[in-house]
């Protein structure tokens, strides 16, 4: 796939500074780029690489002012990082467009339908009464249970498991090893101390543009639905329990866990290894720092919290600074106590 620099600038609504007729055929990091590559410069700590890179073209900000000579042609845009992301999306779509057809062996059950331009990889399984949209990619060894609905342009990667009755929207991505719709952790304690499983008869709904990371698990609802709202992005190795609701465009990093029936608001940011207990309400635009423990509902929008239990982010940093100095503070306190005791003795 080859484009002139002028063509790429047109796609990105940018301007060319240099030879726009040169051709690029690869995307690369600026520190690794060679002739024919297109790179980008967003973080200024990588600026020194601009003066040594062999890249044919580099995407930079409109207000960027180089400090040394360079050889690459520049494409100036409003946001270099976003522009490069757009190109990566286009490149990925080009690669995926080539994946069409049905590899064998694969299986599809009775009364299931698939749209146009579908890809079904070898050893993939689709149950009965499923509705699969257009341009869907189902990679090898993916499992899709009965009565599943999958919207257009969705990708189910190798080894993902989609249980029965799940609803997945348009342009979703479910990465390898993810499990959507497994039983929630529900057990009723018995008089003899044992636990009786509570049937989990609900489902999971992934709205449009949701991304589920590798080996992430989203449990089905006990009744009703576990819901991941439009545009939410879940990293790898996350646990979403039964009847949880994740709001629109909320992002959750790896190893976080959300307990049952908790409702997370829109545009929230949940960092790695955050734990949230069940039956809470988390307001829109709440941010939790890494390893936070959340045990109470958050009613006010836009708070930034950290710690276990989680509290104001800046207060948490101040507390950590004090905590690090505790040995020195203890030593000073002991010295002061000794001086006071000495003064008291001398006064007597």
C-alpha atoms as a PDB file:
ATOM      1  CA  UNK A   1       0.000   0.000   0.000  1.00  0.00           C
ATOM      2  CA  UNK A   2       1.718   3.144  -1.244  1.00  0.00           C
ATOM      3  CA  UNK A   3       0.689   6.786  -1.018  1.00  0.00           C
ATOM      4  CA  UNK A   4       2.361  10.053  -1.835  1.00  0.00           C
ATOM      5  CA  UNK A   5       2.941  12.446   1.025  1.00  0.00           C
ATOM      6  CA  UNK A   6       0.492  14.860  -0.632  1.00  0.00           C
ATOM      7  CA  UNK A   7      -2.220  12.173  -0.582  1.00  0.00           C
ATOM      8  CA  UNK A   8      -1.657  11.467   3.094  1.00  0.00           C
ATOM      9  CA  UNK A   9      -1.692  15.168   3.933  1.00  0.00           C
ATOM     10  CA  UNK A  10      -5.019  15.413   2.130  1.00  0.00           C
ATOM     11  CA  UNK A  11      -6.463  12.557   4.206  1.00  0.00           C
ATOM     12  CA  UNK A  12      -5.310  14.278   7.392  1.00  0.00           C
ATOM     13  CA  UNK A  13      -6.267  17.803   6.292  1.00  0.00           C
ATOM     14  CA  UNK A  14      -2.661  18.845   6.844  1.00  0.00           C
ATOM     15  CA  UNK A  15      -0.068  20.828   4.934  1.00  0.00           C
ATOM     16  CA  UNK A  16       3.188  19.589   3.394  1.00  0.00           C
ATOM     17  CA  UNK A  17       6.566  21.121   4.089  1.00  0.00           C
ATOM     18  CA  UNK A  18       9.049  19.576   1.663  1.00  0.00           C
ATOM     19  CA  UNK A  19       8.693  17.184  -1.279  1.00  0.00           C
ATOM     20  CA  UNK A  20       5.076  16.059  -1.336  1.00  0.00           C
ATOM     21  CA  UNK A  21       5.534  13.760  -4.329  1.00  0.00           C
ATOM     22  CA  UNK A  22       7.654  11.260  -2.402  1.00  0.00           C
ATOM     23  CA  UNK A  23       6.053   7.877  -1.717  1.00  0.00           C
ATOM     24  CA  UNK A  24       5.653   6.155   1.664  1.00  0.00           C
ATOM     25  CA  UNK A  25       4.560   2.551   2.170  1.00  0.00           C
ATOM     26  CA  UNK A  26       5.033   1.846   5.891  1.00  0.00           C
ATOM     27  CA  UNK A  27       4.199   3.322   9.283  1.00  0.00           C
ATOM     28  CA  UNK A  28       6.950   3.332  11.890  1.00  0.00           C
ATOM     29  CA  UNK A  29       8.154   4.865  15.150  1.00  0.00           C
ATOM     30  CA  UNK A  30      10.345   7.889  14.519  1.00  0.00           C
ATOM     31  CA  UNK A  31      13.362   6.309  16.228  1.00  0.00           C
ATOM     32  CA  UNK A  32      13.131   3.170  14.062  1.00  0.00           C
ATOM     33  CA  UNK A  33      11.886   4.553  10.738  1.00  0.00           C
ATOM     34  CA  UNK A  34      13.756   3.943   7.477  1.00  0.00           C
ATOM     35  CA  UNK A  35      13.380   5.237   3.926  1.00  0.00           C
ATOM     36  CA  UNK A  36       9.779   4.847   2.764  1.00  0.00           C
ATOM     37  CA  UNK A  37       8.380   5.116   6.306  1.00  0.00           C
ATOM     38  CA  UNK A  38       5.921   7.626   7.709  1.00  0.00           C
ATOM     39  CA  UNK A  39       6.425   8.529  11.393  1.00  0.00           C
ATOM     40  CA  UNK A  40       4.999  11.093  13.785  1.00  0.00           C
ATOM     41  CA  UNK A  41       6.322  13.438  16.463  1.00  0.00           C
ATOM     42  CA  UNK A  42       3.947  14.277  19.296  1.00  0.00           C
ATOM     43  CA  UNK A  43       5.929  13.947  22.531  1.00  0.00           C
ATOM     44  CA  UNK A  44       8.727  16.503  22.483  1.00  0.00           C
ATOM     45  CA  UNK A  45      11.155  14.191  24.276  1.00  0.00           C
ATOM     46  CA  UNK A  46      11.394  12.350  20.944  1.00  0.00           C
ATOM     47  CA  UNK A  47      12.316  15.531  19.044  1.00  0.00           C
ATOM     48  CA  UNK A  48      16.050  14.604  18.802  1.00  0.00           C
ATOM     49  CA  UNK A  49      15.074  11.651  16.598  1.00  0.00           C
ATOM     50  CA  UNK A  50      13.658  14.042  13.988  1.00  0.00           C
ATOM     51  CA  UNK A  51      17.202  15.182  13.203  1.00  0.00           C
ATOM     52  CA  UNK A  52      18.536  11.631  12.766  1.00  0.00           C
ATOM     53  CA  UNK A  53      15.565   9.655  11.434  1.00  0.00           C
ATOM     54  CA  UNK A  54      15.632   8.136   7.956  1.00  0.00           C
ATOM     55  CA  UNK A  55      11.846   8.443   7.661  1.00  0.00           C
ATOM     56  CA  UNK A  56      10.639   9.876   4.381  1.00  0.00           C
ATOM     57  CA  UNK A  57       7.915  11.873   6.132  1.00  0.00           C
ATOM     58  CA  UNK A  58       7.088  12.870   9.695  1.00  0.00           C
ATOM     59  CA  UNK A  59       3.762  14.164  11.015  1.00  0.00           C
ATOM     60  CA  UNK A  60       4.246  17.165  13.342  1.00  0.00           C
ATOM     61  CA  UNK A  61       2.120  19.852  14.927  1.00  0.00           C
ATOM     62  CA  UNK A  62       1.307  23.033  13.046  1.00  0.00           C
ATOM     63  CA  UNK A  63       3.197  25.104  15.601  1.00  0.00           C
ATOM     64  CA  UNK A  64       6.278  22.864  15.803  1.00  0.00           C
ATOM     65  CA  UNK A  65       9.561  24.736  15.272  1.00  0.00           C
ATOM     66  CA  UNK A  66      12.617  22.540  14.569  1.00  0.00           C
ATOM     67  CA  UNK A  67      15.881  23.482  16.232  1.00  0.00           C
ATOM     68  CA  UNK A  68      18.259  21.702  13.815  1.00  0.00           C
ATOM     69  CA  UNK A  69      18.427  20.578  10.196  1.00  0.00           C
ATOM     70  CA  UNK A  70      16.428  17.522   9.165  1.00  0.00           C
ATOM     71  CA  UNK A  71      15.899  15.536   5.965  1.00  0.00           C
ATOM     72  CA  UNK A  72      12.307  14.308   6.256  1.00  0.00           C
ATOM     73  CA  UNK A  73       9.334  15.959   4.621  1.00  0.00           C
ATOM     74  CA  UNK A  74       6.956  17.301   7.269  1.00  0.00           C
ATOM     75  CA  UNK A  75       3.183  16.965   7.337  1.00  0.00           C
ATOM     76  CA  UNK A  76       1.811  19.639   9.653  1.00  0.00           C
ATOM     77  CA  UNK A  77      -1.505  18.884  11.394  1.00  0.00           C
ATOM     78  CA  UNK A  78      -3.444  20.137  14.426  1.00  0.00           C
ATOM     79  CA  UNK A  79      -2.848  16.971  16.489  1.00  0.00           C
ATOM     80  CA  UNK A  80      -0.017  14.635  15.371  1.00  0.00           C
ATOM     81  CA  UNK A  81      -0.991  11.813  17.739  1.00  0.00           C
ATOM     82  CA  UNK A  82      -4.604  11.819  16.610  1.00  0.00           C
ATOM     83  CA  UNK A  83      -3.577  12.056  12.951  1.00  0.00           C
ATOM     84  CA  UNK A  84      -1.293   9.046  13.253  1.00  0.00           C
ATOM     85  CA  UNK A  85      -4.074   7.151  15.024  1.00  0.00           C
ATOM     86  CA  UNK A  86      -6.355   7.826  12.039  1.00  0.00           C
ATOM     87  CA  UNK A  87      -3.725   6.395   9.692  1.00  0.00           C
ATOM     88  CA  UNK A  88      -3.304   3.290  11.862  1.00  0.00           C
ATOM     89  CA  UNK A  89      -7.072   2.783  11.781  1.00  0.00           C
ATOM     90  CA  UNK A  90      -7.085   3.053   7.990  1.00  0.00           C
ATOM     91  CA  UNK A  91      -4.192   0.612   7.751  1.00  0.00           C
ATOM     92  CA  UNK A  92      -5.896  -1.882  10.064  1.00  0.00           C
ATOM     93  CA  UNK A  93      -9.125  -1.665   8.073  1.00  0.00           C
ATOM     94  CA  UNK A  94      -7.184  -2.317   4.883  1.00  0.00           C
ATOM     95  CA  UNK A  95      -5.657  -5.474   6.382  1.00  0.00           C
ATOM     96  CA  UNK A  96      -8.997  -6.681   7.712  1.00  0.00           C
ATOM     97  CA  UNK A  97     -10.757  -6.071   4.415  1.00  0.00           C
ATOM     98  CA  UNK A  98      -8.656  -8.850   2.942  1.00  0.00           C
ATOM     99  CA  UNK A  99     -10.088 -11.308   5.481  1.00  0.00           C
ATOM    100  CA  UNK A 100     -13.233 -12.549   3.764  1.00  0.00           C
ATOM    101  CA  UNK A 101     -14.685 -16.010   3.350  1.00  0.00           C
ATOM    102  CA  UNK A 102     -15.221 -19.195   5.308  1.00  0.00           C
ATOM    103  CA  UNK A 103     -12.299 -21.370   6.305  1.00  0.00           C
ATOM    104  CA  UNK A 104     -12.861 -25.049   6.944  1.00  0.00           C
ATOM    105  CA  UNK A 105     -13.609 -26.728   9.197  1.00  0.00           C
ATOM    106  CA  UNK A 106     -16.043 -24.294  10.809  1.00  0.00           C
ATOM    107  CA  UNK A 107     -19.606 -24.688  12.097  1.00  0.00           C
ATOM    108  CA  UNK A 108     -22.823 -22.668  12.027  1.00  0.00           C
ATOM    109  CA  UNK A 109     -26.045 -23.840  13.668  1.00  0.00           C
ATOM    110  CA  UNK A 110     -29.642 -23.983  12.486  1.00  0.00           C
ATOM    111  CA  UNK A 111     -31.492 -20.751  11.701  1.00  0.00           C
ATOM    112  CA  UNK A 112     -28.367 -18.610  12.057  1.00  0.00           C
ATOM    113  CA  UNK A 113     -27.729 -15.899   9.479  1.00  0.00           C
ATOM    114  CA  UNK A 114     -24.637 -13.948   8.471  1.00  0.00           C
ATOM    115  CA  UNK A 115     -24.270 -10.698   6.549  1.00  0.00           C
ATOM    116  CA  UNK A 116     -22.074  -9.862   3.577  1.00  0.00           C
ATOM    117  CA  UNK A 117     -18.258  -9.882   3.549  1.00  0.00           C
ATOM    118  CA  UNK A 118     -18.048 -12.048   6.633  1.00  0.00           C
ATOM    119  CA  UNK A 119     -14.911 -13.926   7.673  1.00  0.00           C
ATOM    120  CA  UNK A 120     -15.203 -17.166   9.631  1.00  0.00           C
ATOM    121  CA  UNK A 121     -11.881 -18.676  10.635  1.00  0.00           C
ATOM    122  CA  UNK A 122     -11.113 -22.378  10.869  1.00  0.00           C
ATOM    123  CA  UNK A 123     -12.572 -24.189  13.891  1.00  0.00           C
ATOM    124  CA  UNK A 124     -14.849 -21.264  14.741  1.00  0.00           C
ATOM    125  CA  UNK A 125     -18.292 -22.176  16.092  1.00  0.00           C
ATOM    126  CA  UNK A 126     -21.581 -20.305  15.698  1.00  0.00           C
ATOM    127  CA  UNK A 127     -24.626 -21.697  17.505  1.00  0.00           C
ATOM    128  CA  UNK A 128     -28.275 -21.738  16.486  1.00  0.00           C
ATOM    129  CA  UNK A 129     -30.546 -18.729  15.926  1.00  0.00           C
ATOM    130  CA  UNK A 130     -27.683 -16.240  15.713  1.00  0.00           C
ATOM    131  CA  UNK A 131     -27.723 -13.020  13.705  1.00  0.00           C
ATOM    132  CA  UNK A 132     -24.299 -11.928  12.474  1.00  0.00           C
ATOM    133  CA  UNK A 133     -24.014  -8.555  10.686  1.00  0.00           C
ATOM    134  CA  UNK A 134     -22.029  -7.341   7.691  1.00  0.00           C
ATOM    135  CA  UNK A 135     -18.220  -7.235   7.584  1.00  0.00           C
ATOM    136  CA  UNK A 136     -17.891  -9.239  10.798  1.00  0.00           C
ATOM    137  CA  UNK A 137     -14.590 -11.048  11.378  1.00  0.00           C
ATOM    138  CA  UNK A 138     -14.703 -14.216  13.493  1.00  0.00           C
ATOM    139  CA  UNK A 139     -11.215 -15.596  13.923  1.00  0.00           C
ATOM    140  CA  UNK A 140     -10.208 -19.264  14.403  1.00  0.00           C
ATOM    141  CA  UNK A 141     -11.416 -21.150  17.470  1.00  0.00           C
ATOM    142  CA  UNK A 142     -13.823 -18.409  18.512  1.00  0.00           C
ATOM    143  CA  UNK A 143     -17.014 -19.724  20.122  1.00  0.00           C
ATOM    144  CA  UNK A 144     -20.409 -18.039  19.721  1.00  0.00           C
ATOM    145  CA  UNK A 145     -23.348 -19.623  21.557  1.00  0.00           C
ATOM    146  CA  UNK A 146     -27.022 -19.780  20.627  1.00  0.00           C
ATOM    147  CA  UNK A 147     -29.238 -16.715  20.125  1.00  0.00           C
ATOM    148  CA  UNK A 148     -26.350 -14.288  19.850  1.00  0.00           C
ATOM    149  CA  UNK A 149     -26.669 -11.013  17.926  1.00  0.00           C
ATOM    150  CA  UNK A 150     -23.544  -9.325  16.529  1.00  0.00           C
ATOM    151  CA  UNK A 151     -23.674  -5.976  14.697  1.00  0.00           C
ATOM    152  CA  UNK A 152     -21.821  -4.783  11.611  1.00  0.00           C
ATOM    153  CA  UNK A 153     -18.022  -4.398  11.425  1.00  0.00           C
ATOM    154  CA  UNK A 154     -17.384  -6.212  14.705  1.00  0.00           C
ATOM    155  CA  UNK A 155     -14.280  -8.358  15.254  1.00  0.00           C
ATOM    156  CA  UNK A 156     -14.182 -11.480  17.421  1.00  0.00           C
ATOM    157  CA  UNK A 157     -10.565 -12.573  17.795  1.00  0.00           C
ATOM    158  CA  UNK A 158      -9.198 -16.090  18.121  1.00  0.00           C
ATOM    159  CA  UNK A 159     -10.312 -18.096  21.125  1.00  0.00           C
ATOM    160  CA  UNK A 160     -12.870 -15.589  22.391  1.00  0.00           C
ATOM    161  CA  UNK A 161     -15.963 -17.129  24.007  1.00  0.00           C
ATOM    162  CA  UNK A 162     -19.370 -15.528  23.524  1.00  0.00           C
ATOM    163  CA  UNK A 163     -22.035 -17.297  25.599  1.00  0.00           C
ATOM    164  CA  UNK A 164     -25.666 -17.681  24.528  1.00  0.00           C
ATOM    165  CA  UNK A 165     -28.096 -14.752  24.335  1.00  0.00           C
ATOM    166  CA  UNK A 166     -25.369 -12.095  24.207  1.00  0.00           C
ATOM    167  CA  UNK A 167     -25.999  -8.878  22.248  1.00  0.00           C
ATOM    168  CA  UNK A 168     -22.967  -7.185  20.659  1.00  0.00           C
ATOM    169  CA  UNK A 169     -23.284  -3.903  18.768  1.00  0.00           C
ATOM    170  CA  UNK A 170     -21.588  -2.400  15.729  1.00  0.00           C
ATOM    171  CA  UNK A 171     -17.823  -1.851  15.454  1.00  0.00           C
ATOM    172  CA  UNK A 172     -17.031  -3.753  18.635  1.00  0.00           C
ATOM    173  CA  UNK A 173     -13.788  -5.648  19.253  1.00  0.00           C
ATOM    174  CA  UNK A 174     -13.529  -8.718  21.484  1.00  0.00           C
ATOM    175  CA  UNK A 175      -9.896  -9.759  21.852  1.00  0.00           C
ATOM    176  CA  UNK A 176      -8.427 -13.240  22.147  1.00  0.00           C
ATOM    177  CA  UNK A 177      -9.351 -15.250  25.206  1.00  0.00           C
ATOM    178  CA  UNK A 178     -12.062 -12.871  26.406  1.00  0.00           C
ATOM    179  CA  UNK A 179     -15.194 -14.455  27.873  1.00  0.00           C
ATOM    180  CA  UNK A 180     -18.518 -12.671  27.516  1.00  0.00           C
ATOM    181  CA  UNK A 181     -21.481 -14.037  29.441  1.00  0.00           C
ATOM    182  CA  UNK A 182     -20.002 -16.514  31.917  1.00  0.00           C
ATOM    183  CA  UNK A 183     -21.937 -17.084  35.155  1.00  0.00           C
ATOM    184  CA  UNK A 184     -21.829 -14.384  37.769  1.00  0.00           C
ATOM    185  CA  UNK A 185     -20.385 -15.314  41.155  1.00  0.00           C
ATOM    186  CA  UNK A 186     -23.683 -16.005  42.899  1.00  0.00           C
ATOM    187  CA  UNK A 187     -24.044 -18.585  45.680  1.00  0.00           C
ATOM    188  CA  UNK A 188     -26.614 -18.864  48.468  1.00  0.00           C
ATOM    189  CA  UNK A 189     -25.184 -19.933  51.868  1.00  0.00           C
ATOM    190  CA  UNK A 190     -26.875 -23.017  53.341  1.00  0.00           C
ATOM    191  CA  UNK A 191     -27.494 -23.943  56.988  1.00  0.00           C
ATOM    192  CA  UNK A 192     -24.810 -26.626  56.848  1.00  0.00           C
ATOM    193  CA  UNK A 193     -22.192 -24.082  55.729  1.00  0.00           C
ATOM    194  CA  UNK A 194     -22.212 -25.084  52.060  1.00  0.00           C
ATOM    195  CA  UNK A 195     -23.098 -22.808  49.148  1.00  0.00           C
ATOM    196  CA  UNK A 196     -25.836 -23.404  46.587  1.00  0.00           C
ATOM    197  CA  UNK A 197     -25.323 -21.900  43.110  1.00  0.00           C
ATOM    198  CA  UNK A 198     -27.827 -19.227  42.125  1.00  0.00           C
ATOM    199  CA  UNK A 199     -28.788 -19.693  38.466  1.00  0.00           C
ATOM    200  CA  UNK A 200     -27.554 -16.821  36.306  1.00  0.00           C
ATOM    201  CA  UNK A 201     -30.214 -16.430  33.629  1.00  0.00           C
ATOM    202  CA  UNK A 202     -29.510 -12.902  32.342  1.00  0.00           C
ATOM    203  CA  UNK A 203     -27.246 -11.825  29.505  1.00  0.00           C
ATOM    204  CA  UNK A 204     -24.606  -9.252  28.511  1.00  0.00           C
ATOM    205  CA  UNK A 205     -25.114  -6.293  26.196  1.00  0.00           C
ATOM    206  CA  UNK A 206     -22.141  -4.619  24.523  1.00  0.00           C
ATOM    207  CA  UNK A 207     -23.282  -1.425  22.842  1.00  0.00           C
ATOM    208  CA  UNK A 208     -21.620   0.077  19.744  1.00  0.00           C
ATOM    209  CA  UNK A 209     -17.864   0.759  19.640  1.00  0.00           C
ATOM    210  CA  UNK A 210     -17.009  -1.248  22.756  1.00  0.00           C
ATOM    211  CA  UNK A 211     -13.569  -2.862  23.048  1.00  0.00           C
ATOM    212  CA  UNK A 212     -12.967  -5.857  25.323  1.00  0.00           C
ATOM    213  CA  UNK A 213      -9.317  -6.723  26.011  1.00  0.00           C
ATOM    214  CA  UNK A 214      -7.653 -10.127  25.937  1.00  0.00           C
ATOM    215  CA  UNK A 215      -8.598 -12.510  28.773  1.00  0.00           C
ATOM    216  CA  UNK A 216     -11.126 -10.062  30.185  1.00  0.00           C
ATOM    217  CA  UNK A 217     -14.314 -11.579  31.601  1.00  0.00           C
ATOM    218  CA  UNK A 218     -17.762  -9.978  31.582  1.00  0.00           C
ATOM    219  CA  UNK A 219     -20.264 -12.026  33.591  1.00  0.00           C
ATOM    220  CA  UNK A 220     -23.895 -12.374  32.610  1.00  0.00           C
ATOM    221  CA  UNK A 221     -26.564 -10.878  34.845  1.00  0.00           C
ATOM    222  CA  UNK A 222     -28.374 -12.954  37.421  1.00  0.00           C
ATOM    223  CA  UNK A 223     -31.510 -11.473  35.852  1.00  0.00           C
ATOM    224  CA  UNK A 224     -31.670  -8.708  33.283  1.00  0.00           C
ATOM    225  CA  UNK A 225     -28.414  -7.561  31.668  1.00  0.00           C
ATOM    226  CA  UNK A 226     -24.832  -6.688  32.408  1.00  0.00           C
ATOM    227  CA  UNK A 227     -24.309  -3.638  30.182  1.00  0.00           C
ATOM    228  CA  UNK A 228     -21.180  -2.098  28.675  1.00  0.00           C
ATOM    229  CA  UNK A 229     -22.302   1.214  27.197  1.00  0.00           C
ATOM    230  CA  UNK A 230     -21.286   2.797  23.897  1.00  0.00           C
ATOM    231  CA  UNK A 231     -17.602   3.492  23.367  1.00  0.00           C
ATOM    232  CA  UNK A 232     -16.351   1.953  26.630  1.00  0.00           C
ATOM    233  CA  UNK A 233     -12.855   0.459  26.425  1.00  0.00           C
ATOM    234  CA  UNK A 234     -11.754  -2.405  28.674  1.00  0.00           C
ATOM    235  CA  UNK A 235      -8.108  -3.436  28.890  1.00  0.00           C
ATOM    236  CA  UNK A 236      -6.809  -6.995  29.300  1.00  0.00           C
ATOM    237  CA  UNK A 237      -7.388  -9.116  32.417  1.00  0.00           C
ATOM    238  CA  UNK A 238     -10.401  -7.273  33.828  1.00  0.00           C
ATOM    239  CA  UNK A 239     -13.267  -8.806  35.814  1.00  0.00           C
ATOM    240  CA  UNK A 240     -16.746  -7.331  35.319  1.00  0.00           C
ATOM    241  CA  UNK A 241     -19.248  -9.042  37.617  1.00  0.00           C
ATOM    242  CA  UNK A 242     -22.958  -9.762  37.129  1.00  0.00           C
ATOM    243  CA  UNK A 243     -25.406  -6.882  36.626  1.00  0.00           C
ATOM    244  CA  UNK A 244     -22.641  -4.280  36.437  1.00  0.00           C
ATOM    245  CA  UNK A 245     -23.219  -1.300  34.165  1.00  0.00           C
ATOM    246  CA  UNK A 246     -20.252   0.534  32.607  1.00  0.00           C
ATOM    247  CA  UNK A 247     -21.090   3.998  31.268  1.00  0.00           C
ATOM    248  CA  UNK A 248     -20.390   5.506  27.860  1.00  0.00           C
ATOM    249  CA  UNK A 249     -16.740   6.097  26.913  1.00  0.00           C
ATOM    250  CA  UNK A 250     -15.438   4.904  30.263  1.00  0.00           C
ATOM    251  CA  UNK A 251     -11.960   3.362  30.136  1.00  0.00           C
ATOM    252  CA  UNK A 252     -10.705   0.657  32.508  1.00  0.00           C
ATOM    253  CA  UNK A 253      -7.074  -0.506  32.719  1.00  0.00           C
ATOM    254  CA  UNK A 254      -5.748  -4.013  33.324  1.00  0.00           C
ATOM    255  CA  UNK A 255      -6.439  -6.105  36.418  1.00  0.00           C
ATOM    256  CA  UNK A 256      -9.287  -3.925  37.645  1.00  0.00           C
ATOM    257  CA  UNK A 257     -12.310  -5.630  39.181  1.00  0.00           C
ATOM    258  CA  UNK A 258     -15.894  -4.358  39.387  1.00  0.00           C
ATOM    259  CA  UNK A 259     -18.166  -6.248  41.817  1.00  0.00           C
ATOM    260  CA  UNK A 260     -21.784  -7.122  41.167  1.00  0.00           C
ATOM    261  CA  UNK A 261     -24.553  -4.576  40.518  1.00  0.00           C
ATOM    262  CA  UNK A 262     -22.232  -1.551  40.610  1.00  0.00           C
ATOM    263  CA  UNK A 263     -23.066   1.241  38.166  1.00  0.00           C
ATOM    264  CA  UNK A 264     -20.109   3.136  36.698  1.00  0.00           C
ATOM    265  CA  UNK A 265     -20.887   6.511  35.108  1.00  0.00           C
ATOM    266  CA  UNK A 266     -19.953   7.954  31.726  1.00  0.00           C
ATOM    267  CA  UNK A 267     -16.435   9.158  30.843  1.00  0.00           C
ATOM    268  CA  UNK A 268     -14.845   7.599  33.926  1.00  0.00           C
ATOM    269  CA  UNK A 269     -11.182   6.568  34.095  1.00  0.00           C
ATOM    270  CA  UNK A 270     -10.327   3.491  36.165  1.00  0.00           C
ATOM    271  CA  UNK A 271      -6.614   2.728  36.381  1.00  0.00           C
ATOM    272  CA  UNK A 272      -4.919  -0.646  36.806  1.00  0.00           C
ATOM    273  CA  UNK A 273      -5.689  -2.937  39.756  1.00  0.00           C
ATOM    274  CA  UNK A 274      -8.555  -0.798  41.020  1.00  0.00           C
ATOM    275  CA  UNK A 275     -11.111  -2.768  43.048  1.00  0.00           C
ATOM    276  CA  UNK A 276     -14.711  -1.569  43.363  1.00  0.00           C
ATOM    277  CA  UNK A 277     -17.129  -3.317  45.710  1.00  0.00           C
ATOM    278  CA  UNK A 278     -20.678  -4.185  44.742  1.00  0.00           C
ATOM    279  CA  UNK A 279     -23.910  -2.186  44.639  1.00  0.00           C
ATOM    280  CA  UNK A 280     -22.219   1.234  44.311  1.00  0.00           C
ATOM    281  CA  UNK A 281     -23.028   4.236  42.141  1.00  0.00           C
ATOM    282  CA  UNK A 282     -20.030   6.008  40.578  1.00  0.00           C
ATOM    283  CA  UNK A 283     -20.692   9.486  39.161  1.00  0.00           C
ATOM    284  CA  UNK A 284     -19.751  10.565  35.637  1.00  0.00           C
ATOM    285  CA  UNK A 285     -16.138  11.644  34.939  1.00  0.00           C
ATOM    286  CA  UNK A 286     -14.754  10.044  38.093  1.00  0.00           C
ATOM    287  CA  UNK A 287     -11.076   9.006  37.941  1.00  0.00           C
ATOM    288  CA  UNK A 288      -9.458   6.379  40.169  1.00  0.00           C
ATOM    289  CA  UNK A 289      -5.675   6.063  40.405  1.00  0.00           C
ATOM    290  CA  UNK A 290      -3.936   2.688  40.258  1.00  0.00           C
ATOM    291  CA  UNK A 291      -4.589   0.168  43.056  1.00  0.00           C
ATOM    292  CA  UNK A 292      -7.402   2.215  44.557  1.00  0.00           C
ATOM    293  CA  UNK A 293      -9.986   0.445  46.684  1.00  0.00           C
ATOM    294  CA  UNK A 294     -13.512   1.834  46.343  1.00  0.00           C
ATOM    295  CA  UNK A 295     -15.989   0.947  49.074  1.00  0.00           C
ATOM    296  CA  UNK A 296     -18.481   3.829  48.906  1.00  0.00           C
ATOM    297  CA  UNK A 297     -20.599   5.404  46.196  1.00  0.00           C
ATOM    298  CA  UNK A 298     -19.294   8.584  44.538  1.00  0.00           C
ATOM    299  CA  UNK A 299     -22.053  11.133  44.040  1.00  0.00           C
ATOM    300  CA  UNK A 300     -20.138  14.190  42.818  1.00  0.00           C
ATOM    301  CA  UNK A 301     -18.975  14.302  39.209  1.00  0.00           C
ATOM    302  CA  UNK A 302     -15.384  14.827  38.131  1.00  0.00           C
ATOM    303  CA  UNK A 303     -13.543  13.742  41.291  1.00  0.00           C
ATOM    304  CA  UNK A 304     -10.010  12.341  41.087  1.00  0.00           C
ATOM    305  CA  UNK A 305      -9.432   9.726  43.766  1.00  0.00           C
ATOM    306  CA  UNK A 306      -6.696   7.370  44.865  1.00  0.00           C
ATOM    307  CA  UNK A 307      -5.818   5.088  47.762  1.00  0.00           C
ATOM    308  CA  UNK A 308      -7.476   2.290  49.668  1.00  0.00           C
ATOM    309  CA  UNK A 309      -9.977   3.412  50.689  1.00  0.00           C
ATOM    310  CA  UNK A 310      -9.948   5.916  47.837  1.00  0.00           C
ATOM    311  CA  UNK A 311      -9.984   9.623  48.646  1.00  0.00           C
ATOM    312  CA  UNK A 312      -8.931  12.888  46.973  1.00  0.00           C
ATOM    313  CA  UNK A 313      -5.958  12.328  44.677  1.00  0.00           C
ATOM    314  CA  UNK A 314      -3.894  15.321  45.842  1.00  0.00           C
ATOM    315  CA  UNK A 315      -4.616  14.608  49.507  1.00  0.00           C
ATOM    316  CA  UNK A 316      -3.507  11.038  48.898  1.00  0.00           C
ATOM    317  CA  UNK A 317      -0.184  12.234  47.467  1.00  0.00           C
ATOM    318  CA  UNK A 318       0.344  14.481  50.505  1.00  0.00           C
ATOM    319  CA  UNK A 319      -0.453  11.573  52.803  1.00  0.00           C
ATOM    320  CA  UNK A 320       2.049   9.371  51.009  1.00  0.00           C
ATOM    321  CA  UNK A 321       4.705  12.050  51.420  1.00  0.00           C
ATOM    322  CA  UNK A 322       4.042  12.125  55.169  1.00  0.00           C
ATOM    323  CA  UNK A 323       4.027   8.336  55.345  1.00  0.00           C
ATOM    324  CA  UNK A 324       7.439   8.115  53.696  1.00  0.00           C
ATOM    325  CA  UNK A 325       8.818  10.493  56.338  1.00  0.00           C
ATOM    326  CA  UNK A 326       7.333   8.664  59.342  1.00  0.00           C
ATOM    327  CA  UNK A 327      10.654   7.083  60.470  1.00  0.00           C
ATOM    328  CA  UNK A 328      12.348  10.498  60.500  1.00  0.00           C
ATOM    329  CA  UNK A 329       9.336  12.102  62.194  1.00  0.00           C
ATOM    330  CA  UNK A 330       9.331   9.387  64.856  1.00  0.00           C
ATOM    331  CA  UNK A 331      13.037   9.950  65.489  1.00  0.00           C
ATOM    332  CA  UNK A 332      12.514  13.702  65.839  1.00  0.00           C
ATOM    333  CA  UNK A 333       9.593  13.129  68.204  1.00  0.00           C
ATOM    334  CA  UNK A 334      11.678  10.842  70.395  1.00  0.00           C
ATOM    335  CA  UNK A 335      14.476  13.417  70.462  1.00  0.00           C
ATOM    336  CA  UNK A 336      12.022  16.153  71.476  1.00  0.00           C
ATOM    337  CA  UNK A 337      10.556  13.964  74.215  1.00  0.00           C
ATOM    338  CA  UNK A 338      14.051  13.321  75.534  1.00  0.00           C
ATOM    339  CA  UNK A 339      14.862  17.055  75.543  1.00  0.00           C
ATOM    340  CA  UNK A 340      11.600  17.861  77.337  1.00  0.00           C
ATOM    341  CA  UNK A 341      12.293  15.183  79.916  1.00  0.00           C
ATOM    342  CA  UNK A 342      15.827  16.539  80.454  1.00  0.00           C
ATOM    343  CA  UNK A 343      14.494  20.106  80.867  1.00  0.00           C
ATOM    344  CA  UNK A 344      11.920  18.911  83.409  1.00  0.00           C
ATOM    345  CA  UNK A 345      14.562  17.131  85.444  1.00  0.00           C
ATOM    346  CA  UNK A 346      16.862  20.165  85.389  1.00  0.00           C
ATOM    347  CA  UNK A 347      14.026  22.477  86.553  1.00  0.00           C
ATOM    348  CA  UNK A 348      13.448  20.248  89.560  1.00  0.00           C
END
